[in-house]
């Protein structure tokens, strides 16, 4: 490690231009550990795989007596960095099923496909960021029975937005571990068997990042 640090210092002290000292450059390049030192790896693209809890919030959707319960949610992202601050990409998320509180057999599953922008700030080894996304939210209500009556399955889609922030920490090599809190807003979620108008979810999650 000392050899590598010394080599870097020597290179920085070398004059630039035709007057550079070739003997010194050659000597530095032959120092032990310099030739074997790996090049610094910079990630231009990254993938994110995460898991969290989608918690209904407010309105009829999040009502404690007539609304829907929290559900496990998964997310998958692919993104490209513009620079050290800005990146953009596409995210898909899926909640396994929000069960209705008074009707146990009724549940709503939500799938989303949303492009996003992320602005990041590096502080030592940690990275903090804010994120905004907008796209299509697809909901599905499987067939269920209540009060001796069977209700057919139903589905629909609506425009929605999401925003939030989080932090990422180095884990190993090209991997990072992240924690995030996100708000999702679906502008309309209405079916033949239910009508909650707009729907809001708060989603805390943990995720794994791989950069390349």
C-alpha atoms as a PDB file:
ATOM      1  CA  UNK A   1       0.000   0.000   0.000  1.00  0.00           C
ATOM      2  CA  UNK A   2       2.870   2.380   0.799  1.00  0.00           C
ATOM      3  CA  UNK A   3       4.381   1.714  -2.626  1.00  0.00           C
ATOM      4  CA  UNK A   4       1.111   2.579  -4.358  1.00  0.00           C
ATOM      5  CA  UNK A   5       0.622   5.793  -2.372  1.00  0.00           C
ATOM      6  CA  UNK A   6       4.218   6.839  -3.073  1.00  0.00           C
ATOM      7  CA  UNK A   7       3.757   6.095  -6.756  1.00  0.00           C
ATOM      8  CA  UNK A   8       0.645   8.280  -6.932  1.00  0.00           C
ATOM      9  CA  UNK A   9       2.448  11.158  -5.210  1.00  0.00           C
ATOM     10  CA  UNK A  10       5.388  10.872  -7.610  1.00  0.00           C
ATOM     11  CA  UNK A  11       3.118  10.892 -10.651  1.00  0.00           C
ATOM     12  CA  UNK A  12       1.353  14.021  -9.395  1.00  0.00           C
ATOM     13  CA  UNK A  13       4.702  15.784  -8.946  1.00  0.00           C
ATOM     14  CA  UNK A  14       5.879  15.012 -12.479  1.00  0.00           C
ATOM     15  CA  UNK A  15       6.034  18.028 -14.804  1.00  0.00           C
ATOM     16  CA  UNK A  16       3.663  18.032 -17.790  1.00  0.00           C
ATOM     17  CA  UNK A  17       4.769  18.511 -21.391  1.00  0.00           C
ATOM     18  CA  UNK A  18       7.836  17.807 -23.440  1.00  0.00           C
ATOM     19  CA  UNK A  19      10.098  18.651 -20.504  1.00  0.00           C
ATOM     20  CA  UNK A  20       8.865  15.763 -18.388  1.00  0.00           C
ATOM     21  CA  UNK A  21      11.522  13.551 -16.914  1.00  0.00           C
ATOM     22  CA  UNK A  22      11.329  10.111 -18.632  1.00  0.00           C
ATOM     23  CA  UNK A  23      13.777   8.545 -16.187  1.00  0.00           C
ATOM     24  CA  UNK A  24      11.585   9.356 -13.219  1.00  0.00           C
ATOM     25  CA  UNK A  25       8.451   8.153 -15.002  1.00  0.00           C
ATOM     26  CA  UNK A  26      10.108   4.848 -15.822  1.00  0.00           C
ATOM     27  CA  UNK A  27      11.342   4.430 -12.255  1.00  0.00           C
ATOM     28  CA  UNK A  28       7.892   5.027 -10.820  1.00  0.00           C
ATOM     29  CA  UNK A  29       6.259   2.575 -13.227  1.00  0.00           C
ATOM     30  CA  UNK A  30       8.682  -0.147 -12.106  1.00  0.00           C
ATOM     31  CA  UNK A  31       8.060   0.316  -8.381  1.00  0.00           C
ATOM     32  CA  UNK A  32       6.716  -2.818  -6.641  1.00  0.00           C
ATOM     33  CA  UNK A  33       2.930  -2.959  -6.599  1.00  0.00           C
ATOM     34  CA  UNK A  34       2.370  -0.237  -9.207  1.00  0.00           C
ATOM     35  CA  UNK A  35       2.062  -2.486 -12.234  1.00  0.00           C
ATOM     36  CA  UNK A  36      -0.232  -4.851 -10.334  1.00  0.00           C
ATOM     37  CA  UNK A  37      -2.504  -2.145  -8.908  1.00  0.00           C
ATOM     38  CA  UNK A  38      -6.080  -2.535 -10.245  1.00  0.00           C
ATOM     39  CA  UNK A  39      -7.636   0.342 -12.111  1.00  0.00           C
ATOM     40  CA  UNK A  40     -10.360   2.260 -10.284  1.00  0.00           C
ATOM     41  CA  UNK A  41     -13.804   0.923 -11.156  1.00  0.00           C
ATOM     42  CA  UNK A  42     -16.471   3.503 -12.007  1.00  0.00           C
ATOM     43  CA  UNK A  43     -20.099   2.345 -12.297  1.00  0.00           C
ATOM     44  CA  UNK A  44     -22.058   3.832 -15.188  1.00  0.00           C
ATOM     45  CA  UNK A  45     -25.081   1.521 -14.836  1.00  0.00           C
ATOM     46  CA  UNK A  46     -26.712  -0.123 -11.828  1.00  0.00           C
ATOM     47  CA  UNK A  47     -29.481  -2.554 -10.908  1.00  0.00           C
ATOM     48  CA  UNK A  48     -31.587  -2.459  -7.737  1.00  0.00           C
ATOM     49  CA  UNK A  49     -33.510  -5.320  -6.136  1.00  0.00           C
ATOM     50  CA  UNK A  50     -35.515  -4.545  -3.021  1.00  0.00           C
ATOM     51  CA  UNK A  51     -38.263  -5.618  -0.672  1.00  0.00           C
ATOM     52  CA  UNK A  52     -40.497  -3.533   1.542  1.00  0.00           C
ATOM     53  CA  UNK A  53     -43.974  -3.032   2.970  1.00  0.00           C
ATOM     54  CA  UNK A  54     -46.650  -1.047   1.101  1.00  0.00           C
ATOM     55  CA  UNK A  55     -48.727   0.646   3.825  1.00  0.00           C
ATOM     56  CA  UNK A  56     -52.074   2.268   2.800  1.00  0.00           C
ATOM     57  CA  UNK A  57     -52.381   5.852   3.976  1.00  0.00           C
ATOM     58  CA  UNK A  58     -55.449   8.084   4.238  1.00  0.00           C
ATOM     59  CA  UNK A  59     -58.823   8.130   2.513  1.00  0.00           C
ATOM     60  CA  UNK A  60     -61.025   5.085   2.054  1.00  0.00           C
ATOM     61  CA  UNK A  61     -57.991   3.112   0.828  1.00  0.00           C
ATOM     62  CA  UNK A  62     -56.182   3.497   4.163  1.00  0.00           C
ATOM     63  CA  UNK A  63     -59.215   3.548   6.457  1.00  0.00           C
ATOM     64  CA  UNK A  64     -58.572   1.527   9.631  1.00  0.00           C
ATOM     65  CA  UNK A  65     -62.007  -0.106   9.623  1.00  0.00           C
ATOM     66  CA  UNK A  66     -63.168  -0.236   5.977  1.00  0.00           C
ATOM     67  CA  UNK A  67     -59.908   0.127   4.053  1.00  0.00           C
ATOM     68  CA  UNK A  68     -57.101  -2.195   3.051  1.00  0.00           C
ATOM     69  CA  UNK A  69     -54.194  -3.742   4.956  1.00  0.00           C
ATOM     70  CA  UNK A  70     -50.427  -3.403   4.270  1.00  0.00           C
ATOM     71  CA  UNK A  71     -48.831  -5.813   1.812  1.00  0.00           C
ATOM     72  CA  UNK A  72     -45.336  -7.067   1.034  1.00  0.00           C
ATOM     73  CA  UNK A  73     -43.870  -5.260  -1.985  1.00  0.00           C
ATOM     74  CA  UNK A  74     -40.921  -5.964  -4.293  1.00  0.00           C
ATOM     75  CA  UNK A  75     -39.083  -3.574  -6.583  1.00  0.00           C
ATOM     76  CA  UNK A  76     -36.646  -3.911  -9.467  1.00  0.00           C
ATOM     77  CA  UNK A  77     -34.757  -1.011 -11.084  1.00  0.00           C
ATOM     78  CA  UNK A  78     -32.357  -0.517 -13.936  1.00  0.00           C
ATOM     79  CA  UNK A  79     -30.649   2.862 -14.268  1.00  0.00           C
ATOM     80  CA  UNK A  80     -27.889   4.827 -15.991  1.00  0.00           C
ATOM     81  CA  UNK A  81     -25.796   7.561 -14.410  1.00  0.00           C
ATOM     82  CA  UNK A  82     -25.548  10.903 -16.187  1.00  0.00           C
ATOM     83  CA  UNK A  83     -22.857  12.022 -13.730  1.00  0.00           C
ATOM     84  CA  UNK A  84     -22.029  11.589 -10.034  1.00  0.00           C
ATOM     85  CA  UNK A  85     -25.245  13.414  -9.071  1.00  0.00           C
ATOM     86  CA  UNK A  86     -27.961  12.579 -11.581  1.00  0.00           C
ATOM     87  CA  UNK A  87     -29.230   9.229 -12.862  1.00  0.00           C
ATOM     88  CA  UNK A  88     -32.354   8.029 -14.621  1.00  0.00           C
ATOM     89  CA  UNK A  89     -33.983   4.661 -15.147  1.00  0.00           C
ATOM     90  CA  UNK A  90     -37.046   2.439 -15.100  1.00  0.00           C
ATOM     91  CA  UNK A  91     -38.598   0.777 -12.067  1.00  0.00           C
ATOM     92  CA  UNK A  92     -41.186  -1.944 -11.674  1.00  0.00           C
ATOM     93  CA  UNK A  93     -42.823  -2.779  -8.350  1.00  0.00           C
ATOM     94  CA  UNK A  94     -45.369  -5.350  -7.240  1.00  0.00           C
ATOM     95  CA  UNK A  95     -47.386  -5.670  -4.028  1.00  0.00           C
ATOM     96  CA  UNK A  96     -48.507  -9.212  -3.263  1.00  0.00           C
ATOM     97  CA  UNK A  97     -52.012  -8.238  -2.157  1.00  0.00           C
ATOM     98  CA  UNK A  98     -53.721  -5.641   0.053  1.00  0.00           C
ATOM     99  CA  UNK A  99     -56.489  -7.510   1.882  1.00  0.00           C
ATOM    100  CA  UNK A 100     -59.710  -5.680   2.636  1.00  0.00           C
ATOM    101  CA  UNK A 101     -60.279  -5.270   6.385  1.00  0.00           C
ATOM    102  CA  UNK A 102     -64.014  -6.158   6.628  1.00  0.00           C
ATOM    103  CA  UNK A 103     -63.989  -8.657   3.710  1.00  0.00           C
ATOM    104  CA  UNK A 104     -61.145 -11.094   4.355  1.00  0.00           C
ATOM    105  CA  UNK A 105     -61.289 -12.816   0.944  1.00  0.00           C
ATOM    106  CA  UNK A 106     -61.049  -9.583  -1.044  1.00  0.00           C
ATOM    107  CA  UNK A 107     -57.619  -8.248  -1.970  1.00  0.00           C
ATOM    108  CA  UNK A 108     -56.015  -5.789  -4.370  1.00  0.00           C
ATOM    109  CA  UNK A 109     -52.669  -6.435  -6.081  1.00  0.00           C
ATOM    110  CA  UNK A 110     -50.754  -3.511  -7.571  1.00  0.00           C
ATOM    111  CA  UNK A 111     -48.138  -3.549 -10.320  1.00  0.00           C
ATOM    112  CA  UNK A 112     -46.333  -0.392 -11.439  1.00  0.00           C
ATOM    113  CA  UNK A 113     -44.006   0.599 -14.267  1.00  0.00           C
ATOM    114  CA  UNK A 114     -42.481   4.024 -13.707  1.00  0.00           C
ATOM    115  CA  UNK A 115     -39.519   5.905 -15.234  1.00  0.00           C
ATOM    116  CA  UNK A 116     -37.648   7.914 -12.582  1.00  0.00           C
ATOM    117  CA  UNK A 117     -34.965  10.521 -11.918  1.00  0.00           C
ATOM    118  CA  UNK A 118     -32.570  10.229  -8.955  1.00  0.00           C
ATOM    119  CA  UNK A 119     -30.354  13.006  -7.540  1.00  0.00           C
ATOM    120  CA  UNK A 120     -27.569  11.761  -5.255  1.00  0.00           C
ATOM    121  CA  UNK A 121     -25.119  13.315  -2.823  1.00  0.00           C
ATOM    122  CA  UNK A 122     -21.914  11.587  -1.711  1.00  0.00           C
ATOM    123  CA  UNK A 123     -20.853  12.020   1.924  1.00  0.00           C
ATOM    124  CA  UNK A 124     -17.778   9.920   2.626  1.00  0.00           C
ATOM    125  CA  UNK A 125     -18.665   6.303   1.896  1.00  0.00           C
ATOM    126  CA  UNK A 126     -22.411   6.924   2.159  1.00  0.00           C
ATOM    127  CA  UNK A 127     -24.646   8.130  -0.659  1.00  0.00           C
ATOM    128  CA  UNK A 128     -27.866  10.027   0.033  1.00  0.00           C
ATOM    129  CA  UNK A 129     -30.470  10.612  -2.656  1.00  0.00           C
ATOM    130  CA  UNK A 130     -33.900  11.886  -3.583  1.00  0.00           C
ATOM    131  CA  UNK A 131     -36.076  10.296  -6.263  1.00  0.00           C
ATOM    132  CA  UNK A 132     -39.131  11.167  -8.363  1.00  0.00           C
ATOM    133  CA  UNK A 133     -41.005   8.782 -10.658  1.00  0.00           C
ATOM    134  CA  UNK A 134     -44.217   8.783 -12.697  1.00  0.00           C
ATOM    135  CA  UNK A 135     -45.928   6.138 -14.791  1.00  0.00           C
ATOM    136  CA  UNK A 136     -48.624   3.478 -14.984  1.00  0.00           C
ATOM    137  CA  UNK A 137     -50.090   1.625 -11.992  1.00  0.00           C
ATOM    138  CA  UNK A 138     -52.015  -1.563 -12.815  1.00  0.00           C
ATOM    139  CA  UNK A 139     -54.288  -3.018 -10.135  1.00  0.00           C
ATOM    140  CA  UNK A 140     -55.974  -6.418 -10.052  1.00  0.00           C
ATOM    141  CA  UNK A 141     -58.735  -7.785  -7.832  1.00  0.00           C
ATOM    142  CA  UNK A 142     -58.980 -11.597  -7.939  1.00  0.00           C
ATOM    143  CA  UNK A 143     -62.302 -13.428  -7.659  1.00  0.00           C
ATOM    144  CA  UNK A 144     -63.655 -13.638  -4.103  1.00  0.00           C
ATOM    145  CA  UNK A 145     -66.718 -14.619  -2.061  1.00  0.00           C
ATOM    146  CA  UNK A 146     -68.572 -12.651   0.607  1.00  0.00           C
ATOM    147  CA  UNK A 147     -71.941 -13.153   2.315  1.00  0.00           C
ATOM    148  CA  UNK A 148     -72.629 -16.226   0.211  1.00  0.00           C
ATOM    149  CA  UNK A 149     -72.095 -14.374  -3.058  1.00  0.00           C
ATOM    150  CA  UNK A 150     -69.218 -14.789  -5.520  1.00  0.00           C
ATOM    151  CA  UNK A 151     -67.705 -11.696  -7.124  1.00  0.00           C
ATOM    152  CA  UNK A 152     -65.862 -11.817 -10.435  1.00  0.00           C
ATOM    153  CA  UNK A 153     -62.258 -10.727 -10.833  1.00  0.00           C
ATOM    154  CA  UNK A 154     -61.558  -7.180 -12.001  1.00  0.00           C
ATOM    155  CA  UNK A 155     -58.618  -5.006 -13.032  1.00  0.00           C
ATOM    156  CA  UNK A 156     -57.728  -1.556 -14.266  1.00  0.00           C
ATOM    157  CA  UNK A 157     -54.926   0.949 -14.637  1.00  0.00           C
ATOM    158  CA  UNK A 158     -54.248   4.562 -13.721  1.00  0.00           C
ATOM    159  CA  UNK A 159     -51.525   7.175 -13.866  1.00  0.00           C
ATOM    160  CA  UNK A 160     -49.523   7.600 -10.677  1.00  0.00           C
ATOM    161  CA  UNK A 161     -46.474   9.263  -9.180  1.00  0.00           C
ATOM    162  CA  UNK A 162     -43.957   8.386  -6.478  1.00  0.00           C
ATOM    163  CA  UNK A 163     -41.258  10.267  -4.609  1.00  0.00           C
ATOM    164  CA  UNK A 164     -38.963   9.708  -1.678  1.00  0.00           C
ATOM    165  CA  UNK A 165     -35.377   9.363  -0.564  1.00  0.00           C
ATOM    166  CA  UNK A 166     -32.870   7.071   1.026  1.00  0.00           C
ATOM    167  CA  UNK A 167     -29.257   6.174   1.653  1.00  0.00           C
ATOM    168  CA  UNK A 168     -26.815   3.612   0.236  1.00  0.00           C
ATOM    169  CA  UNK A 169     -23.811   2.097   1.998  1.00  0.00           C
ATOM    170  CA  UNK A 170     -20.854   0.107   0.584  1.00  0.00           C
ATOM    171  CA  UNK A 171     -21.287  -3.625   1.087  1.00  0.00           C
ATOM    172  CA  UNK A 172     -18.746  -5.579  -0.957  1.00  0.00           C
ATOM    173  CA  UNK A 173     -17.077  -4.877  -4.290  1.00  0.00           C
ATOM    174  CA  UNK A 174     -19.659  -3.513  -6.735  1.00  0.00           C
ATOM    175  CA  UNK A 175     -22.518  -4.125  -4.261  1.00  0.00           C
ATOM    176  CA  UNK A 176     -24.199  -1.589  -1.988  1.00  0.00           C
ATOM    177  CA  UNK A 177     -26.938  -1.884   0.623  1.00  0.00           C
ATOM    178  CA  UNK A 178     -29.711   0.704   0.706  1.00  0.00           C
ATOM    179  CA  UNK A 179     -32.614   1.896   2.851  1.00  0.00           C
ATOM    180  CA  UNK A 180     -35.463   3.950   1.440  1.00  0.00           C
ATOM    181  CA  UNK A 181     -38.802   5.585   2.247  1.00  0.00           C
ATOM    182  CA  UNK A 182     -41.157   6.239  -0.692  1.00  0.00           C
ATOM    183  CA  UNK A 183     -44.645   7.688  -1.198  1.00  0.00           C
ATOM    184  CA  UNK A 184     -46.788   6.284  -4.028  1.00  0.00           C
ATOM    185  CA  UNK A 185     -49.947   8.045  -5.223  1.00  0.00           C
ATOM    186  CA  UNK A 186     -52.419   6.410  -7.639  1.00  0.00           C
ATOM    187  CA  UNK A 187     -54.851   8.973  -9.023  1.00  0.00           C
ATOM    188  CA  UNK A 188     -57.820   6.613  -9.558  1.00  0.00           C
ATOM    189  CA  UNK A 189     -58.522   3.058  -8.406  1.00  0.00           C
ATOM    190  CA  UNK A 190     -62.112   2.040  -9.096  1.00  0.00           C
ATOM    191  CA  UNK A 191     -63.654  -1.294 -10.028  1.00  0.00           C
ATOM    192  CA  UNK A 192     -67.032  -3.026 -10.269  1.00  0.00           C
ATOM    193  CA  UNK A 193     -66.707  -4.277  -6.677  1.00  0.00           C
ATOM    194  CA  UNK A 194     -64.965  -1.337  -4.987  1.00  0.00           C
ATOM    195  CA  UNK A 195     -64.173   2.354  -5.323  1.00  0.00           C
ATOM    196  CA  UNK A 196     -61.434   4.018  -3.280  1.00  0.00           C
ATOM    197  CA  UNK A 197     -60.887   6.995  -5.638  1.00  0.00           C
ATOM    198  CA  UNK A 198     -57.205   7.854  -5.247  1.00  0.00           C
ATOM    199  CA  UNK A 199     -54.882   5.610  -3.242  1.00  0.00           C
ATOM    200  CA  UNK A 200     -51.695   6.400  -1.306  1.00  0.00           C
ATOM    201  CA  UNK A 201     -49.046   3.995  -0.034  1.00  0.00           C
ATOM    202  CA  UNK A 202     -46.022   4.689   2.144  1.00  0.00           C
ATOM    203  CA  UNK A 203     -43.310   2.132   1.357  1.00  0.00           C
ATOM    204  CA  UNK A 204     -40.246   1.634   3.601  1.00  0.00           C
ATOM    205  CA  UNK A 205     -37.836  -0.825   1.996  1.00  0.00           C
ATOM    206  CA  UNK A 206     -34.354  -2.298   1.992  1.00  0.00           C
ATOM    207  CA  UNK A 207     -32.538  -3.045  -1.273  1.00  0.00           C
ATOM    208  CA  UNK A 208     -29.359  -4.337  -2.860  1.00  0.00           C
ATOM    209  CA  UNK A 209     -27.528  -2.324  -5.547  1.00  0.00           C
ATOM    210  CA  UNK A 210     -25.121  -3.712  -8.158  1.00  0.00           C
ATOM    211  CA  UNK A 211     -23.112  -1.269 -10.268  1.00  0.00           C
ATOM    212  CA  UNK A 212     -21.148  -2.002 -13.430  1.00  0.00           C
END
